[in-house]
Amino acid sequence: MVSATEFHELLLADRERTTEVVSSLTASIASMVEATQLSASDDEHDPEGSTIAFERSQASTLLATATEHLSDVDAALARLDAGTYGRCEHCGQAIARERLLARPTARTCIACAAAR
């Protein structure tokens, strides 16, 4: 079975890393928005590299992914507190330790994940 302490530590470390990523991306996006407001350049037609709009879109996508992952980590921590962590949400069987080590936020066992 799953050692709650071990996975709690893994999830907390993951949460800390993800929170830092969210913070960094939020600051980057804010900086890009500010830069476009202060600049009158036409980066859409600049042949030198990617546009600010592209970079902002890319950072926004990464931020959305990181925010979603943070939500998944928080949900896993809540399951740990509730005593349901490590149980498949579909079939109720134990999720393999190896799967949880690879993906601590997993909600389903491998069989149920493959069936979806």
Protein backbone atom coordinates (compact mmCIF):
# COMPACT_ATOMS: atom_id res chain seq x y z
CA MET A 1 0.00 0.00 0.00
CA VAL A 2 0.95 3.66 -0.23
CA SER A 3 2.97 5.36 2.49
CA ALA A 4 1.04 8.53 3.22
CA THR A 5 4.08 10.35 4.57
CA GLU A 6 6.20 9.57 1.52
CA PHE A 7 3.56 10.75 -0.93
CA HIS A 8 2.65 13.75 1.19
CA GLU A 9 6.27 14.92 0.95
CA LEU A 10 6.35 14.26 -2.81
CA LEU A 11 3.13 16.19 -3.34
CA LEU A 12 4.25 19.12 -1.17
CA ALA A 13 7.53 19.38 -3.09
CA ASP A 14 5.60 19.22 -6.38
CA ARG A 15 3.22 21.91 -5.11
CA GLU A 16 6.12 24.18 -4.17
CA ARG A 17 7.78 23.78 -7.60
CA THR A 18 4.52 24.32 -9.44
CA THR A 19 3.67 27.40 -7.36
CA GLU A 20 7.05 28.87 -8.30
CA VAL A 21 6.38 28.15 -11.99
CA VAL A 22 2.93 29.78 -11.78
CA SER A 23 4.42 32.83 -10.08
CA SER A 24 7.23 33.13 -12.62
CA LEU A 25 4.92 32.76 -15.63
CA THR A 26 2.44 35.25 -14.17
CA ALA A 27 5.25 37.77 -13.76
CA SER A 28 6.51 37.09 -17.31
CA ILE A 29 3.08 37.62 -18.81
CA ALA A 30 2.59 40.82 -16.83
CA SER A 31 5.97 42.03 -18.06
CA MET A 32 5.05 41.25 -21.68
CA VAL A 33 1.74 43.08 -21.35
CA GLU A 34 3.50 46.08 -19.85
CA ALA A 35 6.15 46.03 -22.59
CA THR A 36 3.53 46.07 -25.34
CA GLN A 37 1.70 48.96 -23.70
CA LEU A 38 4.90 51.02 -23.48
CA SER A 39 6.11 50.22 -26.98
CA ALA A 40 4.81 51.38 -30.31
CA SER A 41 6.75 48.81 -32.32
CA ASP A 42 5.13 46.57 -34.90
CA ASP A 43 6.45 43.20 -33.80
CA GLU A 44 3.92 41.36 -35.99
CA HIS A 45 5.92 42.31 -39.07
CA ASP A 46 9.38 42.06 -37.57
CA PRO A 47 11.35 39.38 -39.46
CA GLU A 48 13.61 38.82 -36.43
CA GLY A 49 12.22 35.91 -34.47
CA SER A 50 8.93 35.33 -32.74
CA THR A 51 6.39 38.01 -31.96
CA ILE A 52 5.49 39.23 -28.50
CA ALA A 53 1.97 37.96 -29.13
CA PHE A 54 3.33 34.47 -29.83
CA GLU A 55 5.51 34.52 -26.72
CA ARG A 56 2.60 35.75 -24.62
CA SER A 57 0.35 33.02 -26.02
CA GLN A 58 2.97 30.39 -25.29
CA ALA A 59 3.48 31.66 -21.73
CA SER A 60 -0.30 31.77 -21.20
CA THR A 61 -0.62 28.15 -22.30
CA LEU A 62 2.20 27.10 -19.96
CA LEU A 63 0.52 29.05 -17.14
CA ALA A 64 -2.81 27.31 -17.76
CA THR A 65 -1.08 23.91 -17.71
CA ALA A 66 0.79 24.73 -14.50
CA THR A 67 -2.37 26.06 -12.85
CA GLU A 68 -4.24 22.88 -13.78
CA HIS A 69 -1.40 20.76 -12.39
CA LEU A 70 -1.46 22.78 -9.16
CA SER A 71 -5.16 22.01 -8.87
CA ASP A 72 -4.41 18.31 -9.42
CA VAL A 73 -1.76 18.40 -6.67
CA ASP A 74 -4.18 20.09 -4.28
CA ALA A 75 -6.83 17.47 -5.08
CA ALA A 76 -4.30 14.68 -4.40
CA LEU A 77 -3.40 16.28 -1.07
CA ALA A 78 -7.11 16.46 -0.21
CA ARG A 79 -7.48 12.77 -1.08
CA LEU A 80 -4.52 12.01 1.15
CA ASP A 81 -6.16 13.90 4.03
CA ALA A 82 -9.46 12.09 3.38
CA GLY A 83 -7.76 8.69 3.33
CA THR A 84 -8.73 7.95 -0.29
CA TYR A 85 -5.36 8.65 -1.90
CA GLY A 86 -4.02 5.71 -3.87
CA ARG A 87 -7.47 4.31 -4.71
CA CYS A 88 -8.82 4.41 -8.27
CA GLU A 89 -11.76 6.79 -8.59
CA HIS A 90 -13.40 4.45 -11.13
CA CYS A 91 -12.98 0.90 -9.85
CA GLY A 92 -11.89 1.49 -6.26
CA GLN A 93 -8.82 -0.75 -6.57
CA ALA A 94 -5.40 0.32 -5.32
CA ILE A 95 -3.32 2.36 -7.74
CA ALA A 96 0.09 0.75 -8.25
CA ARG A 97 2.85 2.33 -6.19
CA GLU A 98 5.00 2.65 -9.32
CA ARG A 99 2.25 4.67 -11.03
CA LEU A 100 1.94 6.96 -8.04
CA LEU A 101 5.70 7.44 -7.91
CA ALA A 102 5.70 8.37 -11.60
CA ARG A 103 2.53 10.44 -11.37
CA PRO A 104 1.65 11.32 -7.76
CA THR A 105 -1.55 13.09 -8.82
CA ALA A 106 -2.98 9.99 -10.55
CA ARG A 107 -6.68 9.46 -9.88
CA THR A 108 -7.06 6.13 -11.66
CA CYS A 109 -5.29 2.81 -11.88
CA ILE A 110 -3.52 1.89 -15.10
CA ALA A 111 -6.35 -0.39 -16.29
CA CYS A 112 -9.00 2.32 -15.91
CA ALA A 113 -6.73 4.97 -17.42
CA ALA A 114 -6.08 2.73 -20.45
CA ALA A 115 -9.80 2.05 -20.86
CA ARG A 116 -10.58 5.74 -21.23
